[in-house]
Structure formats: C-alpha cells, structure tokens
Amino acid sequence: MTQAAFITRRSETWQHLDAFLARIERRGVRALSPDEVAEFGRLYRATTSDLAYAQGRGFDRILLEYLNRCVARAHAQVYARAPESGTQRIAGFYARVFPEEFRRSLPYVAICTAITVACAVVAYVLVRNHPADAYAMLPKALVPETIRKSLHDTNFAVDPTFGPAMSAMIVANNVKIAIVAFAGSMTLGALTVYIIGFNGLMLGGMAALFTNAGFGKDFWATIAPHGVIELTAIQIAGAAGLLIAAGALFPGRRRRRDALVANARRAGTLILGVASMLVVAGTIEAFVSPRRLPVSVRIAIGLFTALMLVLYFAGAGRRDGAVTTDRAA
C-alpha cells in the first residue's frame, strides 16, 4: 500500500482519536461515557498499529511524527494514574512511605537505640548504688520533691498520687528531646548523639531513683502505656538527625549538596512520622495515666503498643510479602 492510499484509508481513525484526545485533555477521561471509553481504547490500539506499519514501510517523516504524537498523547491518558486525594496521600504515607523509610534507615535507628540503652544501663547502676549521683546527671526539675526527700530520709514514703503528673512531665520532656535530636543534624550529629545519650541517662537515673524509693514497678507501669511509642519516636528522630549529618559527612559518590538534599527528604519523612507517634503517645497518656489503672493493666498496654509497633514497622508497606528494595542512597 502506498503512503497516499494508507493516509486516505486510515486518516479518519486518526482524526477521531485526535478529537477524543482534545476532549480528554480539556475535561478529563471521566467526561467520556463507558462506550466512548471503549471506542477511545480501540482507536488508540488501531493508531498504534498504524504507526508500526508506517515505520516498517519507511513512510514520510512528517506522517511518522504526527502518528507518534497521537500515540504518545493517547498512551499518557490510557496509563495515567488518577490523581490521589488528600486522604489517599495520607493513607499511603502511613501504610507505605513511613514504614518503608523506617526500615531503610534502620542502621541509624539502631545507633540511637544502642546509645540510649547503654546510657540508661550505666545511669541505673550508678544511681542504684549511689542515689545522690542522680544530681550529677539529672536536672533538678526531673527529680520529684518526694524523691529528693527520700534521698535524705530512708523512712520517707513515696506518694504514688504524683504518678500522672510525672507521666505528663515525661511526655513533655520526650517531645523536647525528639525535637532537639532532629535539630542536632545542624551540628553534624554531635548534638543528636549528646541528647540521645542524655535521654538514656535520664531514663536509667529516674528508674533507679524510683526503684530505690520502692516505687520502681509503678514507675515502669506509669510510663509503659505511652513510653514505648515515645522512646521509639525519639530513636527515629535521632536517626533523622544522623541521616542529614551523614549526607554532609559521607556523601559517597554524590555531590555533597545532592546527598544532603536526598537525605533531608528521607529525614523529613521520618520526622513527620515521629510527630504522629508523639500525638498518639500523648493521647494514650491523657486517657490512661489519670485513671491509675492496675500495674498489670498498664504494663499490658505497654506490651500491646510494643507489639503493634513491631508488626507495623516490620510488615507495613511490603509488597507480596517481599522486602521492599531500597532506593539508591
């Protein structure tokens, strides 16, 4: 078939496709009826075949460019993803983006967790053996008045009614720690490491103080419901700070600026998730701590939140049960 005969025979199909594309580009695919959608698909497939035929016969370049444009425009509409609503984007963030980034950044989370645990253990051992050492590692405001009295009077009884106030104080402190841990990226991670370690010292030191005063079990029961989420959020915030610092210190084969931008985007994902975790923890604290539930119930709530976090970060966002492939760092 000659080019002229080919154009005469097939041009009506191309014109119909072009008219459909003009409507779709102006009003969207949803403006078409079901029958028109089916017709649009038929015209797209037919024009694609015509393009292949014309290329095989070596027809005029102008004709090939015209057919190629038509096919490209139609392809973009056929395979275009529907724009996500705000609700869909939010759901996608928590169902896929945040947990995937957590797993990708797990080495940084592990570093922060190791620092926290090491400092907490050291502080706990020191204060258990020498309670007055608490003044050397804890701000005075974080040593409750009743505990301060017990340091000097072994017969002093700790009043358990200040538990809710202590819980609220810990929540406020943990929010500050998370903010500073992330902002510590501006010091190339030095402040991040310091504040993460300091938080571990506070945790271990306070646990030892309350244990020495005969209030240890209730201390852990008081912080367990919201503390598991908060402590995890702090480690993630620290990981976000270290991630940005790593972009500056260890850019690898990338330009330092490119590494910083890429890592800052990843850190932004983490810190947005951290903010949501702290909201959840604060909500739990508001409803659970004032009720002074039995120790076993509060511990059970803490264990439940820990299990949910493990299941969420280990499983959410995985496709077909396989580990999501990391993007290039």
C-alpha atoms as a PDB file:
ATOM      1  CA  MET A   1       0.000   0.000   0.000  1.00  0.00           C
ATOM      2  CA  THR A   2       1.324   3.408  -0.955  1.00  0.00           C
ATOM      3  CA  GLN A   3       1.571   6.206   1.578  1.00  0.00           C
ATOM      4  CA  ALA A   4      -1.231   8.155  -0.106  1.00  0.00           C
ATOM      5  CA  ALA A   5      -3.569   5.157  -0.065  1.00  0.00           C
ATOM      6  CA  PHE A   6      -2.620   4.471   3.543  1.00  0.00           C
ATOM      7  CA  ILE A   7      -3.471   8.041   4.594  1.00  0.00           C
ATOM      8  CA  THR A   8      -6.744   8.001   2.696  1.00  0.00           C
ATOM      9  CA  ARG A   9      -7.780   4.715   4.270  1.00  0.00           C
ATOM     10  CA  ARG A  10      -6.694   5.373   7.893  1.00  0.00           C
ATOM     11  CA  SER A  11      -6.876   9.158   8.391  1.00  0.00           C
ATOM     12  CA  GLU A  12     -10.469   9.044   9.657  1.00  0.00           C
ATOM     13  CA  THR A  13      -9.348   6.856  12.592  1.00  0.00           C
ATOM     14  CA  TRP A  14      -6.581   9.276  13.483  1.00  0.00           C
ATOM     15  CA  GLN A  15      -8.945  12.247  13.310  1.00  0.00           C
ATOM     16  CA  HIS A  16     -11.395  10.523  15.632  1.00  0.00           C
ATOM     17  CA  LEU A  17      -8.596   9.750  18.088  1.00  0.00           C
ATOM     18  CA  ASP A  18      -7.395  13.339  17.919  1.00  0.00           C
ATOM     19  CA  ALA A  19     -10.911  14.594  18.690  1.00  0.00           C
ATOM     20  CA  PHE A  20     -11.153  12.249  21.675  1.00  0.00           C
ATOM     21  CA  LEU A  21      -7.795  13.458  22.949  1.00  0.00           C
ATOM     22  CA  ALA A  22      -8.857  17.082  22.668  1.00  0.00           C
ATOM     23  CA  ARG A  23     -11.923  16.359  24.821  1.00  0.00           C
ATOM     24  CA  ILE A  24      -9.977  14.321  27.364  1.00  0.00           C
ATOM     25  CA  GLU A  25      -7.207  16.892  27.708  1.00  0.00           C
ATOM     26  CA  ARG A  26      -9.817  19.586  28.220  1.00  0.00           C
ATOM     27  CA  ARG A  27     -12.266  17.791  30.529  1.00  0.00           C
ATOM     28  CA  GLY A  28     -10.600  14.542  31.635  1.00  0.00           C
ATOM     29  CA  VAL A  29     -11.307  10.882  30.876  1.00  0.00           C
ATOM     30  CA  ARG A  30     -14.275  10.903  33.237  1.00  0.00           C
ATOM     31  CA  ALA A  31     -16.110  13.126  30.777  1.00  0.00           C
ATOM     32  CA  LEU A  32     -16.417  10.119  28.421  1.00  0.00           C
ATOM     33  CA  SER A  33     -19.241   7.630  28.619  1.00  0.00           C
ATOM     34  CA  PRO A  34     -18.396   3.902  29.033  1.00  0.00           C
ATOM     35  CA  ASP A  35     -18.988   3.326  25.317  1.00  0.00           C
ATOM     36  CA  GLU A  36     -16.764   6.267  24.407  1.00  0.00           C
ATOM     37  CA  VAL A  37     -14.007   4.937  26.678  1.00  0.00           C
ATOM     38  CA  ALA A  38     -14.164   1.617  24.837  1.00  0.00           C
ATOM     39  CA  GLU A  39     -14.063   3.419  21.494  1.00  0.00           C
ATOM     40  CA  PHE A  40     -11.112   5.512  22.638  1.00  0.00           C
ATOM     41  CA  GLY A  41      -9.206   2.355  23.542  1.00  0.00           C
ATOM     42  CA  ARG A  42      -9.971   0.837  20.116  1.00  0.00           C
ATOM     43  CA  LEU A  43      -8.764   3.969  18.317  1.00  0.00           C
ATOM     44  CA  TYR A  44      -5.579   4.017  20.412  1.00  0.00           C
ATOM     45  CA  ARG A  45      -4.738   0.411  19.547  1.00  0.00           C
ATOM     46  CA  ALA A  46      -5.519   0.973  15.869  1.00  0.00           C
ATOM     47  CA  THR A  47      -3.338   4.072  15.656  1.00  0.00           C
ATOM     48  CA  THR A  48      -0.506   2.257  17.416  1.00  0.00           C
ATOM     49  CA  SER A  49      -0.686  -0.451  14.752  1.00  0.00           C
ATOM     50  CA  ASP A  50      -0.758   2.191  12.025  1.00  0.00           C
ATOM     51  CA  LEU A  51       2.377   3.788  13.469  1.00  0.00           C
ATOM     52  CA  ALA A  52       4.197   0.443  13.436  1.00  0.00           C
ATOM     53  CA  TYR A  53       3.062  -0.189   9.853  1.00  0.00           C
ATOM     54  CA  ALA A  54       4.190   3.269   8.698  1.00  0.00           C
ATOM     55  CA  GLN A  55       7.581   2.851  10.358  1.00  0.00           C
ATOM     56  CA  GLY A  56       8.052  -0.529   8.735  1.00  0.00           C
ATOM     57  CA  ARG A  57       7.283   0.865   5.303  1.00  0.00           C
ATOM     58  CA  GLY A  58       9.549   3.887   5.787  1.00  0.00           C
ATOM     59  CA  PHE A  59       6.799   6.448   5.141  1.00  0.00           C
ATOM     60  CA  ASP A  60       7.367  10.193   5.278  1.00  0.00           C
ATOM     61  CA  ARG A  61       8.899  11.632   8.470  1.00  0.00           C
ATOM     62  CA  ILE A  62       6.080  14.174   8.885  1.00  0.00           C
ATOM     63  CA  LEU A  63       3.474  11.393   8.891  1.00  0.00           C
ATOM     64  CA  LEU A  64       5.503   9.358  11.375  1.00  0.00           C
ATOM     65  CA  GLU A  65       5.885  12.338  13.707  1.00  0.00           C
ATOM     66  CA  TYR A  66       2.135  13.016  13.561  1.00  0.00           C
ATOM     67  CA  LEU A  67       1.247   9.397  14.352  1.00  0.00           C
ATOM     68  CA  ASN A  68       3.869   9.256  17.086  1.00  0.00           C
ATOM     69  CA  ARG A  69       2.414  12.355  18.773  1.00  0.00           C
ATOM     70  CA  CYS A  70      -1.089  10.896  18.644  1.00  0.00           C
ATOM     71  CA  VAL A  71       0.055   7.608  20.133  1.00  0.00           C
ATOM     72  CA  ALA A  72       2.116   9.340  22.847  1.00  0.00           C
ATOM     73  CA  ARG A  73      -0.792  11.568  23.858  1.00  0.00           C
ATOM     74  CA  ALA A  74      -3.179   8.630  23.956  1.00  0.00           C
ATOM     75  CA  HIS A  75      -0.702   6.493  25.883  1.00  0.00           C
ATOM     76  CA  ALA A  76      -0.378   9.210  28.517  1.00  0.00           C
ATOM     77  CA  GLN A  77      -4.166   9.206  29.010  1.00  0.00           C
ATOM     78  CA  VAL A  78      -4.583   5.421  28.965  1.00  0.00           C
ATOM     79  CA  TYR A  79      -1.905   4.804  31.554  1.00  0.00           C
ATOM     80  CA  ALA A  80      -2.255   7.973  33.570  1.00  0.00           C
ATOM     81  CA  ARG A  81      -2.751   7.385  37.285  1.00  0.00           C
ATOM     82  CA  ALA A  82      -5.793   9.017  38.773  1.00  0.00           C
ATOM     83  CA  PRO A  83      -4.739  11.928  40.991  1.00  0.00           C
ATOM     84  CA  GLU A  84      -4.707  10.935  44.648  1.00  0.00           C
ATOM     85  CA  SER A  85      -6.941  12.741  47.067  1.00  0.00           C
ATOM     86  CA  GLY A  86      -5.551  14.178  50.288  1.00  0.00           C
ATOM     87  CA  THR A  87      -6.964  11.230  52.202  1.00  0.00           C
ATOM     88  CA  GLN A  88      -5.285   8.764  49.844  1.00  0.00           C
ATOM     89  CA  ARG A  89      -1.928  10.510  50.189  1.00  0.00           C
ATOM     90  CA  ILE A  90      -2.170  10.468  53.979  1.00  0.00           C
ATOM     91  CA  ALA A  91      -3.165   6.808  53.991  1.00  0.00           C
ATOM     92  CA  GLY A  92      -0.312   5.994  51.603  1.00  0.00           C
ATOM     93  CA  PHE A  93       2.174   7.780  53.840  1.00  0.00           C
ATOM     94  CA  TYR A  94       1.304   5.739  56.918  1.00  0.00           C
ATOM     95  CA  ALA A  95       0.640   2.474  55.077  1.00  0.00           C
ATOM     96  CA  ARG A  96       3.765   2.508  52.914  1.00  0.00           C
ATOM     97  CA  VAL A  97       6.067   5.547  52.865  1.00  0.00           C
ATOM     98  CA  PHE A  98       6.824   5.903  56.592  1.00  0.00           C
ATOM     99  CA  PRO A  99       7.401   2.214  57.428  1.00  0.00           C
ATOM    100  CA  GLU A 100       9.491   1.744  54.273  1.00  0.00           C
ATOM    101  CA  GLU A 101      11.708   4.675  55.228  1.00  0.00           C
ATOM    102  CA  PHE A 102      11.984   3.364  58.788  1.00  0.00           C
ATOM    103  CA  ARG A 103      13.326   0.047  57.506  1.00  0.00           C
ATOM    104  CA  ARG A 104      15.661   1.809  55.109  1.00  0.00           C
ATOM    105  CA  SER A 105      17.014   3.968  57.946  1.00  0.00           C
ATOM    106  CA  LEU A 106      17.222   1.103  60.436  1.00  0.00           C
ATOM    107  CA  PRO A 107      21.029   1.363  60.876  1.00  0.00           C
ATOM    108  CA  TYR A 108      20.648   4.932  62.145  1.00  0.00           C
ATOM    109  CA  VAL A 109      17.774   3.925  64.424  1.00  0.00           C
ATOM    110  CA  ALA A 110      19.931   1.089  65.766  1.00  0.00           C
ATOM    111  CA  ILE A 111      22.776   3.504  66.578  1.00  0.00           C
ATOM    112  CA  CYS A 112      20.451   5.763  68.575  1.00  0.00           C
ATOM    113  CA  THR A 113      18.871   2.801  70.343  1.00  0.00           C
ATOM    114  CA  ALA A 114      22.284   1.411  71.317  1.00  0.00           C
ATOM    115  CA  ILE A 115      23.329   4.796  72.758  1.00  0.00           C
ATOM    116  CA  THR A 116      20.086   5.082  74.724  1.00  0.00           C
ATOM    117  CA  VAL A 117      20.287   1.586  76.171  1.00  0.00           C
ATOM    118  CA  ALA A 118      23.972   1.875  77.108  1.00  0.00           C
ATOM    119  CA  CYS A 119      23.495   5.215  78.862  1.00  0.00           C
ATOM    120  CA  ALA A 120      20.339   4.031  80.632  1.00  0.00           C
ATOM    121  CA  VAL A 121      22.078   0.936  81.995  1.00  0.00           C
ATOM    122  CA  VAL A 122      25.080   2.954  83.220  1.00  0.00           C
ATOM    123  CA  ALA A 123      22.862   5.536  84.927  1.00  0.00           C
ATOM    124  CA  TYR A 124      20.656   2.880  86.503  1.00  0.00           C
ATOM    125  CA  VAL A 125      23.626   1.018  88.005  1.00  0.00           C
ATOM    126  CA  LEU A 126      25.275   4.205  89.289  1.00  0.00           C
ATOM    127  CA  VAL A 127      22.155   5.671  90.902  1.00  0.00           C
ATOM    128  CA  ARG A 128      21.045   2.346  92.371  1.00  0.00           C
ATOM    129  CA  ASN A 129      24.383   2.109  94.183  1.00  0.00           C
ATOM    130  CA  HIS A 130      24.770   5.827  94.944  1.00  0.00           C
ATOM    131  CA  PRO A 131      21.377   7.633  94.807  1.00  0.00           C
ATOM    132  CA  ALA A 132      22.928  11.064  95.247  1.00  0.00           C
ATOM    133  CA  ASP A 133      24.638  10.599  91.871  1.00  0.00           C
ATOM    134  CA  ALA A 134      21.257  11.470  90.374  1.00  0.00           C
ATOM    135  CA  TYR A 135      22.031  15.136  90.955  1.00  0.00           C
ATOM    136  CA  ALA A 136      25.100  14.818  88.721  1.00  0.00           C
ATOM    137  CA  MET A 137      23.211  13.515  85.702  1.00  0.00           C
ATOM    138  CA  LEU A 138      19.594  14.677  86.047  1.00  0.00           C
ATOM    139  CA  PRO A 139      18.143  18.202  86.031  1.00  0.00           C
ATOM    140  CA  LYS A 140      16.698  19.084  89.419  1.00  0.00           C
ATOM    141  CA  ALA A 141      13.246  19.512  87.876  1.00  0.00           C
ATOM    142  CA  LEU A 142      13.262  15.846  86.864  1.00  0.00           C
ATOM    143  CA  VAL A 143      13.850  14.671  90.438  1.00  0.00           C
ATOM    144  CA  PRO A 144      10.406  14.942  92.099  1.00  0.00           C
ATOM    145  CA  GLU A 145      10.236  16.554  95.530  1.00  0.00           C
ATOM    146  CA  THR A 146       9.144  13.333  97.185  1.00  0.00           C
ATOM    147  CA  ILE A 147      12.108  11.505  95.667  1.00  0.00           C
ATOM    148  CA  ARG A 148      14.507  14.254  96.746  1.00  0.00           C
ATOM    149  CA  LYS A 149      13.253  13.882 100.309  1.00  0.00           C
ATOM    150  CA  SER A 150      13.659  10.131 100.155  1.00  0.00           C
ATOM    151  CA  LEU A 151      17.318  10.584  99.263  1.00  0.00           C
ATOM    152  CA  HIS A 152      17.889  12.118 102.664  1.00  0.00           C
ATOM    153  CA  ASP A 153      15.283  10.261 104.717  1.00  0.00           C
ATOM    154  CA  THR A 154      15.210   6.490 104.314  1.00  0.00           C
ATOM    155  CA  ASN A 155      11.918   6.344 106.222  1.00  0.00           C
ATOM    156  CA  PHE A 156      10.161   8.730 103.853  1.00  0.00           C
ATOM    157  CA  ALA A 157       7.251   7.134 101.961  1.00  0.00           C
ATOM    158  CA  VAL A 158       6.750   7.989  98.312  1.00  0.00           C
ATOM    159  CA  ASP A 159       3.290   9.270  97.496  1.00  0.00           C
ATOM    160  CA  PRO A 160       2.049   7.357  94.421  1.00  0.00           C
ATOM    161  CA  THR A 161      -0.554  10.002  93.560  1.00  0.00           C
ATOM    162  CA  PHE A 162       2.015  12.115  91.717  1.00  0.00           C
ATOM    163  CA  GLY A 163       2.253   9.397  89.040  1.00  0.00           C
ATOM    164  CA  PRO A 164       0.022  11.207  86.497  1.00  0.00           C
ATOM    165  CA  ALA A 165       1.967  14.460  86.964  1.00  0.00           C
ATOM    166  CA  MET A 166       5.220  12.579  86.488  1.00  0.00           C
ATOM    167  CA  SER A 167       3.825  10.961  83.350  1.00  0.00           C
ATOM    168  CA  ALA A 168       2.843  14.343  81.882  1.00  0.00           C
ATOM    169  CA  MET A 169       6.297  15.700  82.719  1.00  0.00           C
ATOM    170  CA  ILE A 170       7.947  12.780  80.938  1.00  0.00           C
ATOM    171  CA  VAL A 171       5.764  13.272  77.849  1.00  0.00           C
ATOM    172  CA  ALA A 172       6.682  16.964  77.632  1.00  0.00           C
ATOM    173  CA  ASN A 173      10.351  16.149  78.116  1.00  0.00           C
ATOM    174  CA  ASN A 174      10.305  13.458  75.431  1.00  0.00           C
ATOM    175  CA  VAL A 175       8.778  15.855  72.902  1.00  0.00           C
ATOM    176  CA  LYS A 176      11.612  18.302  73.564  1.00  0.00           C
ATOM    177  CA  ILE A 177      14.188  15.519  73.264  1.00  0.00           C
ATOM    178  CA  ALA A 178      12.773  14.437  69.880  1.00  0.00           C
ATOM    179  CA  ILE A 179      12.898  17.999  68.547  1.00  0.00           C
ATOM    180  CA  VAL A 180      16.474  18.562  69.701  1.00  0.00           C
ATOM    181  CA  ALA A 181      17.575  15.143  68.393  1.00  0.00           C
ATOM    182  CA  PHE A 182      16.377  16.082  64.918  1.00  0.00           C
ATOM    183  CA  ALA A 183      17.702  19.634  65.067  1.00  0.00           C
ATOM    184  CA  GLY A 184      21.068  18.215  66.110  1.00  0.00           C
ATOM    185  CA  SER A 185      21.732  17.492  62.445  1.00  0.00           C
ATOM    186  CA  MET A 186      22.869  21.136  62.174  1.00  0.00           C
ATOM    187  CA  THR A 187      25.839  20.251  64.405  1.00  0.00           C
ATOM    188  CA  LEU A 188      26.763  17.346  62.108  1.00  0.00           C
ATOM    189  CA  GLY A 189      25.084  14.962  64.529  1.00  0.00           C
ATOM    190  CA  ALA A 190      27.071  15.922  67.640  1.00  0.00           C
ATOM    191  CA  LEU A 191      24.068  17.395  69.445  1.00  0.00           C
ATOM    192  CA  THR A 192      21.926  14.468  68.293  1.00  0.00           C
ATOM    193  CA  VAL A 193      24.280  11.936  69.873  1.00  0.00           C
ATOM    194  CA  TYR A 194      24.512  14.043  73.046  1.00  0.00           C
ATOM    195  CA  ILE A 195      20.780  14.454  73.551  1.00  0.00           C
ATOM    196  CA  ILE A 196      20.070  10.794  72.779  1.00  0.00           C
ATOM    197  CA  GLY A 197      22.686   9.765  75.354  1.00  0.00           C
ATOM    198  CA  PHE A 198      21.385  12.294  77.872  1.00  0.00           C
ATOM    199  CA  ASN A 199      17.874  10.921  77.467  1.00  0.00           C
ATOM    200  CA  GLY A 200      19.201   7.450  78.223  1.00  0.00           C
ATOM    201  CA  LEU A 201      20.869   8.771  81.374  1.00  0.00           C
ATOM    202  CA  MET A 202      17.619  10.387  82.474  1.00  0.00           C
ATOM    203  CA  LEU A 203      15.629   7.223  81.859  1.00  0.00           C
ATOM    204  CA  GLY A 204      18.036   4.996  83.745  1.00  0.00           C
ATOM    205  CA  GLY A 205      18.617   7.507  86.517  1.00  0.00           C
ATOM    206  CA  MET A 206      14.920   8.114  87.183  1.00  0.00           C
ATOM    207  CA  ALA A 207      14.175   4.404  87.063  1.00  0.00           C
ATOM    208  CA  ALA A 208      16.856   3.821  89.686  1.00  0.00           C
ATOM    209  CA  LEU A 209      15.576   6.670  91.885  1.00  0.00           C
ATOM    210  CA  PHE A 210      12.047   5.344  91.911  1.00  0.00           C
ATOM    211  CA  THR A 211      13.253   1.795  92.428  1.00  0.00           C
ATOM    212  CA  ASN A 212      15.347   2.882  95.424  1.00  0.00           C
ATOM    213  CA  ALA A 213      12.269   4.588  96.847  1.00  0.00           C
ATOM    214  CA  GLY A 214      10.168   1.419  96.479  1.00  0.00           C
ATOM    215  CA  PHE A 215       8.273   2.816  93.508  1.00  0.00           C
ATOM    216  CA  GLY A 216      10.078   1.009  90.682  1.00  0.00           C
ATOM    217  CA  LYS A 217       7.292  -1.224  89.445  1.00  0.00           C
ATOM    218  CA  ASP A 218       4.798   1.634  89.369  1.00  0.00           C
ATOM    219  CA  PHE A 219       7.355   3.849  87.594  1.00  0.00           C
ATOM    220  CA  TRP A 220       7.600   1.425  84.670  1.00  0.00           C
ATOM    221  CA  ALA A 221       3.842   0.854  84.725  1.00  0.00           C
ATOM    222  CA  THR A 222       3.269   4.617  84.569  1.00  0.00           C
ATOM    223  CA  ILE A 223       5.464   5.209  81.527  1.00  0.00           C
ATOM    224  CA  ALA A 224       4.780   1.898  79.726  1.00  0.00           C
ATOM    225  CA  PRO A 225       1.465   2.772  78.002  1.00  0.00           C
ATOM    226  CA  HIS A 226       2.862   5.818  76.185  1.00  0.00           C
ATOM    227  CA  GLY A 227       6.586   5.382  76.811  1.00  0.00           C
ATOM    228  CA  VAL A 228       7.128   2.590  74.297  1.00  0.00           C
ATOM    229  CA  ILE A 229       5.854   4.782  71.475  1.00  0.00           C
ATOM    230  CA  GLU A 230       7.665   7.876  72.750  1.00  0.00           C
ATOM    231  CA  LEU A 231      11.030   6.182  73.183  1.00  0.00           C
ATOM    232  CA  THR A 232      10.740   4.665  69.716  1.00  0.00           C
ATOM    233  CA  ALA A 233       9.847   8.082  68.305  1.00  0.00           C
ATOM    234  CA  ILE A 234      12.929   9.600  69.947  1.00  0.00           C
ATOM    235  CA  GLN A 235      15.199   6.997  68.362  1.00  0.00           C
ATOM    236  CA  ILE A 236      13.621   7.696  64.954  1.00  0.00           C
ATOM    237  CA  ALA A 237      14.033  11.460  65.454  1.00  0.00           C
ATOM    238  CA  GLY A 238      17.670  10.863  66.304  1.00  0.00           C
ATOM    239  CA  ALA A 239      18.024   8.700  63.209  1.00  0.00           C
ATOM    240  CA  ALA A 240      16.618  11.557  61.114  1.00  0.00           C
ATOM    241  CA  GLY A 241      19.237  13.907  62.574  1.00  0.00           C
ATOM    242  CA  LEU A 242      22.064  11.444  61.916  1.00  0.00           C
ATOM    243  CA  LEU A 243      20.762  10.845  58.404  1.00  0.00           C
ATOM    244  CA  ILE A 244      21.147  14.504  57.475  1.00  0.00           C
ATOM    245  CA  ALA A 245      24.559  14.637  59.146  1.00  0.00           C
ATOM    246  CA  ALA A 246      25.633  11.575  57.157  1.00  0.00           C
ATOM    247  CA  GLY A 247      24.726  13.371  53.926  1.00  0.00           C
ATOM    248  CA  ALA A 248      27.175  16.118  54.837  1.00  0.00           C
ATOM    249  CA  LEU A 249      29.950  13.924  56.238  1.00  0.00           C
ATOM    250  CA  PHE A 250      29.725  10.911  53.954  1.00  0.00           C
ATOM    251  CA  PRO A 251      28.265  11.938  50.577  1.00  0.00           C
ATOM    252  CA  GLY A 252      29.896   8.987  48.808  1.00  0.00           C
ATOM    253  CA  ARG A 253      30.000   9.365  45.039  1.00  0.00           C
ATOM    254  CA  ARG A 254      27.340  12.053  45.044  1.00  0.00           C
ATOM    255  CA  ARG A 255      27.947  15.754  45.322  1.00  0.00           C
ATOM    256  CA  ARG A 256      27.622  16.847  48.953  1.00  0.00           C
ATOM    257  CA  ARG A 257      24.694  19.088  48.087  1.00  0.00           C
ATOM    258  CA  ASP A 258      22.847  16.252  46.341  1.00  0.00           C
ATOM    259  CA  ALA A 259      23.489  13.902  49.262  1.00  0.00           C
ATOM    260  CA  LEU A 260      22.184  16.486  51.726  1.00  0.00           C
ATOM    261  CA  VAL A 261      19.026  17.112  49.718  1.00  0.00           C
ATOM    262  CA  ALA A 262      18.297  13.407  49.298  1.00  0.00           C
ATOM    263  CA  ASN A 263      18.896  12.612  52.972  1.00  0.00           C
ATOM    264  CA  ALA A 264      16.909  15.651  54.102  1.00  0.00           C
ATOM    265  CA  ARG A 265      13.895  14.354  52.184  1.00  0.00           C
ATOM    266  CA  ARG A 266      14.233  10.985  53.869  1.00  0.00           C
ATOM    267  CA  ALA A 267      14.638  12.668  57.259  1.00  0.00           C
ATOM    268  CA  GLY A 268      11.508  14.722  56.599  1.00  0.00           C
ATOM    269  CA  THR A 269       9.544  11.516  56.123  1.00  0.00           C
ATOM    270  CA  LEU A 270      10.864  10.163  59.418  1.00  0.00           C
ATOM    271  CA  ILE A 271      10.187  13.307  61.426  1.00  0.00           C
ATOM    272  CA  LEU A 272       6.640  13.578  60.099  1.00  0.00           C
ATOM    273  CA  GLY A 273       6.051  10.038  61.313  1.00  0.00           C
ATOM    274  CA  VAL A 274       7.635  10.918  64.657  1.00  0.00           C
ATOM    275  CA  ALA A 275       5.232  13.833  65.114  1.00  0.00           C
ATOM    276  CA  SER A 276       2.293  11.489  64.564  1.00  0.00           C
ATOM    277  CA  MET A 277       3.712   8.947  67.015  1.00  0.00           C
ATOM    278  CA  LEU A 278       4.060  11.612  69.691  1.00  0.00           C
ATOM    279  CA  VAL A 279       0.441  12.649  69.155  1.00  0.00           C
ATOM    280  CA  VAL A 280      -0.644   9.035  69.654  1.00  0.00           C
ATOM    281  CA  ALA A 281       1.518   8.712  72.763  1.00  0.00           C
ATOM    282  CA  GLY A 282       0.129  11.942  74.193  1.00  0.00           C
ATOM    283  CA  THR A 283      -3.418  10.742  73.583  1.00  0.00           C
ATOM    284  CA  ILE A 284      -2.712   7.480  75.409  1.00  0.00           C
ATOM    285  CA  GLU A 285      -1.134   9.397  78.279  1.00  0.00           C
ATOM    286  CA  ALA A 286      -4.149  11.681  78.565  1.00  0.00           C
ATOM    287  CA  PHE A 287      -6.637   8.832  78.831  1.00  0.00           C
ATOM    288  CA  VAL A 288      -4.636   6.151  80.665  1.00  0.00           C
ATOM    289  CA  SER A 289      -2.390   7.838  83.231  1.00  0.00           C
ATOM    290  CA  PRO A 290      -5.105   9.794  85.121  1.00  0.00           C
ATOM    291  CA  ARG A 291      -7.100   6.585  85.663  1.00  0.00           C
ATOM    292  CA  ARG A 292      -4.349   4.938  87.732  1.00  0.00           C
ATOM    293  CA  LEU A 293      -5.168   1.522  86.342  1.00  0.00           C
ATOM    294  CA  PRO A 294      -3.653  -1.564  87.991  1.00  0.00           C
ATOM    295  CA  VAL A 295       0.035  -2.075  87.323  1.00  0.00           C
ATOM    296  CA  SER A 296      -0.622  -5.259  85.334  1.00  0.00           C
ATOM    297  CA  VAL A 297      -3.082  -3.454  83.048  1.00  0.00           C
ATOM    298  CA  ARG A 298      -0.704  -0.579  82.335  1.00  0.00           C
ATOM    299  CA  ILE A 299       2.161  -2.962  81.640  1.00  0.00           C
ATOM    300  CA  ALA A 300      -0.124  -4.944  79.321  1.00  0.00           C
ATOM    301  CA  ILE A 301      -0.986  -1.763  77.414  1.00  0.00           C
ATOM    302  CA  GLY A 302       2.718  -1.043  77.006  1.00  0.00           C
ATOM    303  CA  LEU A 303       3.404  -4.559  75.730  1.00  0.00           C
ATOM    304  CA  PHE A 304       0.497  -4.244  73.320  1.00  0.00           C
ATOM    305  CA  THR A 305       1.807  -0.959  71.888  1.00  0.00           C
ATOM    306  CA  ALA A 306       5.255  -2.558  71.521  1.00  0.00           C
ATOM    307  CA  LEU A 307       3.766  -5.488  69.605  1.00  0.00           C
ATOM    308  CA  MET A 308       1.801  -3.155  67.341  1.00  0.00           C
ATOM    309  CA  LEU A 309       4.923  -1.120  66.588  1.00  0.00           C
ATOM    310  CA  VAL A 310       6.890  -4.247  65.688  1.00  0.00           C
ATOM    311  CA  LEU A 311       4.136  -5.515  63.402  1.00  0.00           C
ATOM    312  CA  TYR A 312       3.695  -2.095  61.786  1.00  0.00           C
ATOM    313  CA  PHE A 313       7.335  -1.332  61.077  1.00  0.00           C
ATOM    314  CA  ALA A 314       8.155  -4.916  60.090  1.00  0.00           C
ATOM    315  CA  GLY A 315       5.209  -5.525  57.779  1.00  0.00           C
ATOM    316  CA  ALA A 316       3.566  -2.333  56.548  1.00  0.00           C
ATOM    317  CA  GLY A 317       4.474  -1.295  53.023  1.00  0.00           C
ATOM    318  CA  ARG A 318       5.856  -4.644  51.930  1.00  0.00           C
ATOM    319  CA  ARG A 319       4.642  -5.883  48.546  1.00  0.00           C
ATOM    320  CA  ASP A 320       3.716  -9.546  48.087  1.00  0.00           C
ATOM    321  CA  GLY A 321       5.456 -10.392  51.330  1.00  0.00           C
ATOM    322  CA  ALA A 322       8.856  -9.402  49.956  1.00  0.00           C
ATOM    323  CA  VAL A 323      11.208  -6.881  51.376  1.00  0.00           C
ATOM    324  CA  THR A 324      10.920  -3.570  49.552  1.00  0.00           C
ATOM    325  CA  THR A 325      14.047  -2.829  47.577  1.00  0.00           C
ATOM    326  CA  ASP A 326      15.885   0.184  48.916  1.00  0.00           C
ATOM    327  CA  ARG A 327      16.222   3.169  46.692  1.00  0.00           C
ATOM    328  CA  ALA A 328      19.713   4.401  45.970  1.00  0.00           C
ATOM    329  CA  ALA A 329      21.064   6.295  48.944  1.00  0.00           C
END
